[in-house]
PDB file of N, CA and C in Angstrom:
ATOM      1  N   UNK A   1      97.488 162.981  95.426  1.00  0.00           N
ATOM      2  CA  UNK A   1      96.357 161.926  95.331  1.00  0.00           C
ATOM      3  C   UNK A   1      96.379 161.400  93.793  1.00  0.00           C
ATOM      4  N   UNK A   2      96.294 160.151  93.561  1.00  0.00           N
ATOM      5  CA  UNK A   2      96.494 159.570  92.240  1.00  0.00           C
ATOM      6  C   UNK A   2      95.001 159.546  91.651  1.00  0.00           C
ATOM      7  N   UNK A   3      94.931 159.173  90.333  1.00  0.00           N
ATOM      8  CA  UNK A   3      93.791 158.975  89.755  1.00  0.00           C
ATOM      9  C   UNK A   3      93.450 157.468  89.396  1.00  0.00           C
ATOM     10  N   UNK A   4      92.199 157.034  89.447  1.00  0.00           N
ATOM     11  CA  UNK A   4      91.974 155.682  89.269  1.00  0.00           C
ATOM     12  C   UNK A   4      90.717 155.473  88.506  1.00  0.00           C
ATOM     13  N   UNK A   5      90.548 154.289  87.877  1.00  0.00           N
ATOM     14  CA  UNK A   5      89.257 153.942  87.150  1.00  0.00           C
ATOM     15  C   UNK A   5      88.880 152.667  87.750  1.00  0.00           C
ATOM     16  N   UNK A   6      87.616 152.738  88.431  1.00  0.00           N
ATOM     17  CA  UNK A   6      86.990 151.549  89.167  1.00  0.00           C
ATOM     18  C   UNK A   6      85.749 151.081  88.189  1.00  0.00           C
ATOM     19  N   UNK A   7      85.758 149.926  87.965  1.00  0.00           N
ATOM     20  CA  UNK A   7      84.696 149.061  87.229  1.00  0.00           C
ATOM     21  C   UNK A   7      84.237 147.952  88.375  1.00  0.00           C
ATOM     22  N   UNK A   8      82.953 148.070  88.741  1.00  0.00           N
ATOM     23  CA  UNK A   8      82.500 147.335  89.777  1.00  0.00           C
ATOM     24  C   UNK A   8      81.472 146.138  89.196  1.00  0.00           C
ATOM     25  N   UNK A   9      81.754 145.022  89.391  1.00  0.00           N
ATOM     26  CA  UNK A   9      80.792 143.853  89.407  1.00  0.00           C
ATOM     27  C   UNK A   9      80.287 143.584  88.016  1.00  0.00           C
ATOM     28  N   UNK A  10      81.095 143.620  86.866  1.00  0.00           N
ATOM     29  CA  UNK A  10      80.522 143.501  85.718  1.00  0.00           C
ATOM     30  C   UNK A  10      80.495 141.970  85.363  1.00  0.00           C
ATOM     31  N   UNK A  11      79.470 141.275  85.079  1.00  0.00           N
ATOM     32  CA  UNK A  11      79.472 139.805  84.995  1.00  0.00           C
ATOM     33  C   UNK A  11      78.448 139.624  83.910  1.00  0.00           C
ATOM     34  N   UNK A  12      78.815 138.340  83.219  1.00  0.00           N
ATOM     35  CA  UNK A  12      77.954 137.771  82.120  1.00  0.00           C
ATOM     36  C   UNK A  12      76.406 137.508  82.680  1.00  0.00           C
ATOM     37  N   UNK A  13      76.412 137.353  83.913  1.00  0.00           N
ATOM     38  CA  UNK A  13      75.045 137.128  84.416  1.00  0.00           C
ATOM     39  C   UNK A  13      74.023 138.149  84.324  1.00  0.00           C
ATOM     40  N   UNK A  14      74.416 139.329  84.254  1.00  0.00           N
ATOM     41  CA  UNK A  14      73.548 140.529  83.919  1.00  0.00           C
ATOM     42  C   UNK A  14      73.369 140.822  82.521  1.00  0.00           C
ATOM     43  N   UNK A  15      73.952 140.236  81.607  1.00  0.00           N
ATOM     44  CA  UNK A  15      73.848 140.244  80.145  1.00  0.00           C
ATOM     45  C   UNK A  15      72.398 139.405  79.692  1.00  0.00           C
ATOM     46  N   UNK A  16      71.928 139.847  78.554  1.00  0.00           N
ATOM     47  CA  UNK A  16      70.817 139.070  78.181  1.00  0.00           C
ATOM     48  C   UNK A  16      71.263 137.656  77.820  1.00  0.00           C
ATOM     49  N   UNK A  17      70.330 136.652  78.447  1.00  0.00           N
ATOM     50  CA  UNK A  17      70.678 135.232  78.470  1.00  0.00           C
ATOM     51  C   UNK A  17      71.331 134.824  79.591  1.00  0.00           C
ATOM     52  N   UNK A  18      71.806 135.787  80.534  1.00  0.00           N
ATOM     53  CA  UNK A  18      72.407 135.394  81.872  1.00  0.00           C
ATOM     54  C   UNK A  18      71.286 135.006  82.839  1.00  0.00           C
ATOM     55  N   UNK A  19      71.763 134.603  84.139  1.00  0.00           N
ATOM     56  CA  UNK A  19      70.765 134.115  85.185  1.00  0.00           C
ATOM     57  C   UNK A  19      69.969 135.283  85.586  1.00  0.00           C
ATOM     58  N   UNK A  20      70.502 136.648  85.598  1.00  0.00           N
ATOM     59  CA  UNK A  20      69.661 137.638  86.080  1.00  0.00           C
ATOM     60  C   UNK A  20      69.954 138.743  85.042  1.00  0.00           C
ATOM     61  N   UNK A  21      69.212 138.684  83.794  1.00  0.00           N
ATOM     62  CA  UNK A  21      69.517 139.595  82.734  1.00  0.00           C
ATOM     63  C   UNK A  21      68.861 140.936  83.018  1.00  0.00           C
ATOM     64  N   UNK A  22      69.728 141.875  82.507  1.00  0.00           N
ATOM     65  CA  UNK A  22      69.259 143.366  82.628  1.00  0.00           C
ATOM     66  C   UNK A  22      69.113 143.728  81.254  1.00  0.00           C
ATOM     67  N   UNK A  23      68.145 144.376  80.616  1.00  0.00           N
ATOM     68  CA  UNK A  23      68.055 144.949  79.296  1.00  0.00           C
ATOM     69  C   UNK A  23      69.122 145.914  78.919  1.00  0.00           C
ATOM     70  N   UNK A  24      69.763 145.601  78.114  1.00  0.00           N
ATOM     71  CA  UNK A  24      71.083 146.335  77.531  1.00  0.00           C
ATOM     72  C   UNK A  24      72.154 146.053  78.309  1.00  0.00           C
ATOM     73  N   UNK A  25      72.276 144.988  79.072  1.00  0.00           N
ATOM     74  CA  UNK A  25      73.440 144.570  79.772  1.00  0.00           C
ATOM     75  C   UNK A  25      74.576 144.269  78.870  1.00  0.00           C
ATOM     76  N   UNK A  26      74.584 143.597  77.906  1.00  0.00           N
ATOM     77  CA  UNK A  26      75.676 143.301  76.935  1.00  0.00           C
ATOM     78  C   UNK A  26      76.274 144.634  76.295  1.00  0.00           C
ATOM     79  N   UNK A  27      75.369 145.430  75.916  1.00  0.00           N
ATOM     80  CA  UNK A  27      75.738 146.781  75.494  1.00  0.00           C
ATOM     81  C   UNK A  27      76.570 147.559  76.329  1.00  0.00           C
ATOM     82  N   UNK A  28      76.041 147.623  77.676  1.00  0.00           N
ATOM     83  CA  UNK A  28      76.844 148.254  78.623  1.00  0.00           C
ATOM     84  C   UNK A  28      78.163 147.649  78.975  1.00  0.00           C
ATOM     85  N   UNK A  29      78.241 146.192  79.098  1.00  0.00           N
ATOM     86  CA  UNK A  29      79.542 145.678  79.123  1.00  0.00           C
ATOM     87  C   UNK A  29      80.426 145.897  78.082  1.00  0.00           C
ATOM     88  N   UNK A  30      80.080 145.972  76.868  1.00  0.00           N
ATOM     89  CA  UNK A  30      80.897 146.345  75.780  1.00  0.00           C
ATOM     90  C   UNK A  30      81.462 147.780  75.885  1.00  0.00           C
ATOM     91  N   UNK A  31      80.609 148.654  76.298  1.00  0.00           N
ATOM     92  CA  UNK A  31      81.109 150.111  76.644  1.00  0.00           C
ATOM     93  C   UNK A  31      82.081 150.149  77.652  1.00  0.00           C
ATOM     94  N   UNK A  32      81.808 149.470  78.645  1.00  0.00           N
ATOM     95  CA  UNK A  32      82.976 149.422  79.799  1.00  0.00           C
ATOM     96  C   UNK A  32      84.325 148.820  79.344  1.00  0.00           C
ATOM     97  N   UNK A  33      84.148 147.679  78.562  1.00  0.00           N
ATOM     98  CA  UNK A  33      85.433 147.188  77.915  1.00  0.00           C
ATOM     99  C   UNK A  33      86.230 148.116  76.982  1.00  0.00           C
ATOM    100  N   UNK A  34      85.393 148.934  76.200  1.00  0.00           N
ATOM    101  CA  UNK A  34      86.108 149.913  75.464  1.00  0.00           C
ATOM    102  C   UNK A  34      86.619 151.042  76.200  1.00  0.00           C
ATOM    103  N   UNK A  35      85.989 151.421  77.244  1.00  0.00           N
ATOM    104  CA  UNK A  35      86.413 152.449  78.124  1.00  0.00           C
ATOM    105  C   UNK A  35      87.898 152.043  78.730  1.00  0.00           C
ATOM    106  N   UNK A  36      87.813 150.866  79.296  1.00  0.00           N
ATOM    107  CA  UNK A  36      89.014 150.295  79.864  1.00  0.00           C
ATOM    108  C   UNK A  36      90.169 150.167  78.905  1.00  0.00           C
ATOM    109  N   UNK A  37      89.997 149.813  77.682  1.00  0.00           N
ATOM    110  CA  UNK A  37      90.888 149.692  76.658  1.00  0.00           C
ATOM    111  C   UNK A  37      91.407 151.095  76.174  1.00  0.00           C
ATOM    112  N   UNK A  38      90.492 152.050  76.084  1.00  0.00           N
ATOM    113  CA  UNK A  38      90.831 153.441  75.845  1.00  0.00           C
ATOM    114  C   UNK A  38      91.631 154.147  77.081  1.00  0.00           C
ATOM    115  N   UNK A  39      91.532 153.733  78.102  1.00  0.00           N
ATOM    116  CA  UNK A  39      92.065 154.221  79.264  1.00  0.00           C
ATOM    117  C   UNK A  39      93.515 153.735  79.463  1.00  0.00           C
ATOM    118  N   UNK A  40      94.068 152.672  78.742  1.00  0.00           N
ATOM    119  CA  UNK A  40      95.427 152.040  78.897  1.00  0.00           C
ATOM    120  C   UNK A  40      96.395 153.232  78.341  1.00  0.00           C
ATOM    121  N   UNK A  41      97.495 153.474  79.197  1.00  0.00           N
ATOM    122  CA  UNK A  41      98.386 154.364  78.924  1.00  0.00           C
ATOM    123  C   UNK A  41      98.107 155.899  79.339  1.00  0.00           C
ATOM    124  N   UNK A  42      96.843 155.989  80.074  1.00  0.00           N
ATOM    125  CA  UNK A  42      96.453 157.332  80.420  1.00  0.00           C
ATOM    126  C   UNK A  42      97.086 157.416  81.921  1.00  0.00           C
ATOM    127  N   UNK A  43      96.960 158.592  82.525  1.00  0.00           N
ATOM    128  CA  UNK A  43      97.282 158.910  83.738  1.00  0.00           C
ATOM    129  C   UNK A  43      96.712 158.183  85.128  1.00  0.00           C
ATOM    130  N   UNK A  44      96.148 157.039  84.909  1.00  0.00           N
ATOM    131  CA  UNK A  44      95.721 156.244  85.998  1.00  0.00           C
ATOM    132  C   UNK A  44      96.641 155.532  86.786  1.00  0.00           C
ATOM    133  N   UNK A  45      96.773 155.712  88.016  1.00  0.00           N
ATOM    134  CA  UNK A  45      97.646 154.968  88.788  1.00  0.00           C
ATOM    135  C   UNK A  45      97.046 153.518  88.980  1.00  0.00           C
ATOM    136  N   UNK A  46      95.731 153.411  88.990  1.00  0.00           N
ATOM    137  CA  UNK A  46      95.124 152.187  89.180  1.00  0.00           C
ATOM    138  C   UNK A  46      93.876 151.922  88.324  1.00  0.00           C
ATOM    139  N   UNK A  47      93.726 150.867  87.624  1.00  0.00           N
ATOM    140  CA  UNK A  47      92.576 150.377  86.957  1.00  0.00           C
ATOM    141  C   UNK A  47      92.069 149.067  87.624  1.00  0.00           C
ATOM    142  N   UNK A  48      91.055 149.286  88.384  1.00  0.00           N
ATOM    143  CA  UNK A  48      90.514 148.123  89.275  1.00  0.00           C
ATOM    144  C   UNK A  48      89.156 147.767  88.740  1.00  0.00           C
TER     145      UNK A  48
END
């Protein structure tokens, strides 16, 4: 079985200033982007 990284439903709408803002949404989106970038070249068969 392979390894994967799954990121679900990250949208600007959930960031501050979006249509359904969540407090800290932009901070979390940045952390997710950083995680995906750091995951490049790792042993993941899929990044979704």
